[in-house]
Amino acid sequence: MKLTRTQRLILYALGRFYDSLNQPLNEKHLSLKTSKIAFIELLLTSGIITKQERALYKNLEILEEGNLIKYDQRKINLTNKGIKILQKIDKEAQQFIAIREFFSEPKKPKRRLQTTIN
């Protein structure tokens, strides 16, 4: 199943949201889940995803049809297939972050750089 950019962002946001929400509870063997409505409101208030509310509902339905997420008592859960795709997205994102961090640190190259004035 080929995911659109928005669907990938939604899946990634859901994974990161659950990671940040459940990280303090890991040692207590508890986990929190959220409803579809609460997650959509969170995405809308973040401003990162600029889709309308109905479009977000539709994208979540497509993710459910693709067996990437499922609902358990009205709470969103990632399936094993969704977790695998989330890990691929995370690996891809880490490569971009690593490049940004590499170039943000001033390192002297082995060769001299040529500068031009524009």
Protein backbone atom coordinates (compact mmCIF):
# COMPACT_ATOMS: atom_id res chain seq x y z
CA MET A 1 0.00 0.00 0.00
CA LYS A 2 1.44 3.34 -1.08
CA LEU A 3 0.92 6.05 1.52
CA THR A 4 0.54 9.72 0.76
CA ARG A 5 2.65 12.30 2.53
CA THR A 6 -0.25 13.25 4.79
CA GLN A 7 -0.94 9.63 5.72
CA ARG A 8 2.73 9.12 6.55
CA LEU A 9 2.69 12.26 8.70
CA ILE A 10 -0.43 11.09 10.52
CA LEU A 11 1.06 7.66 11.16
CA TYR A 12 4.34 9.18 12.34
CA ALA A 13 2.50 11.69 14.56
CA LEU A 14 0.47 8.90 16.14
CA GLY A 15 3.61 6.87 16.86
CA ARG A 16 5.51 9.82 18.34
CA PHE A 17 2.43 10.86 20.35
CA TYR A 18 2.16 7.42 21.92
CA ASP A 19 5.92 7.33 22.57
CA SER A 20 5.85 10.65 24.40
CA LEU A 21 2.63 9.79 26.22
CA ASN A 22 3.72 6.36 27.42
CA GLN A 23 7.42 6.93 28.08
CA PRO A 24 6.95 7.93 31.74
CA LEU A 25 4.65 4.94 32.27
CA ASN A 26 6.92 2.21 30.87
CA GLU A 27 8.42 1.26 34.22
CA LYS A 28 4.93 0.98 35.73
CA HIS A 29 3.76 -1.37 32.93
CA LEU A 30 0.93 0.96 31.94
CA SER A 31 0.03 2.43 28.59
CA LEU A 32 -2.35 5.16 27.52
CA LYS A 33 -4.41 5.25 24.33
CA THR A 34 -6.34 8.08 22.75
CA SER A 35 -9.56 8.40 20.83
CA LYS A 36 -9.80 9.40 17.20
CA ILE A 37 -11.44 12.72 18.08
CA ALA A 38 -8.78 13.68 20.63
CA PHE A 39 -5.97 12.78 18.22
CA ILE A 40 -7.50 14.80 15.37
CA GLU A 41 -7.94 17.81 17.67
CA LEU A 42 -4.30 17.47 18.69
CA LEU A 43 -3.19 17.42 15.04
CA LEU A 44 -5.32 20.44 14.20
CA THR A 45 -3.98 22.48 17.12
CA SER A 46 -0.38 21.56 16.30
CA GLY A 47 -0.60 23.28 12.91
CA ILE A 48 1.88 20.81 11.42
CA ILE A 49 -0.74 19.08 9.29
CA THR A 50 -2.81 21.69 7.47
CA LYS A 51 -5.66 19.46 6.36
CA GLN A 52 -9.26 20.01 7.37
CA GLU A 53 -10.90 17.86 10.04
CA ARG A 54 -12.89 15.81 7.53
CA ALA A 55 -9.76 15.09 5.48
CA LEU A 56 -8.01 13.83 8.61
CA TYR A 57 -10.94 11.50 9.33
CA LYS A 58 -10.75 10.20 5.77
CA ASN A 59 -7.00 9.62 6.01
CA LEU A 60 -7.46 7.70 9.27
CA GLU A 61 -10.12 5.57 7.55
CA ILE A 62 -7.68 4.80 4.73
CA LEU A 63 -5.01 3.83 7.28
CA GLU A 64 -7.55 1.54 8.93
CA GLU A 65 -8.51 -0.05 5.60
CA GLY A 66 -4.81 -0.69 4.96
CA ASN A 67 -4.54 -2.46 8.33
CA LEU A 68 -2.03 0.07 9.65
CA ILE A 69 -4.22 1.16 12.55
CA LYS A 70 -7.18 -0.42 14.31
CA TYR A 71 -9.72 0.69 16.85
CA ASP A 72 -10.15 -1.09 20.15
CA GLN A 73 -13.08 0.30 22.14
CA ARG A 74 -12.87 3.60 20.20
CA LYS A 75 -9.16 3.96 20.91
CA ILE A 76 -6.56 4.09 18.14
CA ASN A 77 -3.94 1.33 18.11
CA LEU A 78 -1.10 0.70 15.70
CA THR A 79 -1.05 -2.74 14.12
CA ASN A 80 2.16 -4.72 13.54
CA LYS A 81 2.10 -3.61 9.91
CA GLY A 82 1.66 0.00 11.03
CA ILE A 83 4.56 -0.31 13.47
CA LYS A 84 6.83 -1.65 10.69
CA ILE A 85 5.97 1.28 8.41
CA LEU A 86 6.42 3.68 11.33
CA GLN A 87 9.91 2.25 11.89
CA LYS A 88 10.74 2.78 8.20
CA ILE A 89 9.53 6.39 8.38
CA ASP A 90 11.51 6.90 11.59
CA LYS A 91 14.68 5.50 10.00
CA GLU A 92 14.23 7.79 7.00
CA ALA A 93 13.64 10.81 9.24
CA GLN A 94 16.73 9.97 11.33
CA GLN A 95 18.88 10.14 8.20
CA PHE A 96 17.68 13.68 7.48
CA ILE A 97 18.20 14.70 11.10
CA ALA A 98 21.71 13.25 11.06
CA ILE A 99 22.57 15.25 7.94
CA ARG A 100 21.22 18.45 9.51
CA GLU A 101 23.23 17.85 12.68
CA PHE A 102 26.38 17.04 10.71
CA PHE A 103 26.27 20.32 8.80
CA SER A 104 25.25 22.38 11.83
CA GLU A 105 28.55 21.58 13.56
CA PRO A 106 31.42 23.59 12.10
CA LYS A 107 34.00 21.14 10.77
CA LYS A 108 36.96 22.05 8.69
CA PRO A 109 37.06 20.14 5.38
CA LYS A 110 40.28 18.58 4.15
CA ARG A 111 40.35 20.78 1.09
CA ARG A 112 40.04 24.53 1.03
CA LEU A 113 36.65 25.81 0.01
CA GLN A 114 36.37 28.28 -2.82
CA THR A 115 34.27 31.30 -2.05
CA THR A 116 32.57 33.59 -4.53
CA ILE A 117 30.83 36.90 -4.08
CA ASN A 118 27.39 37.18 -5.62
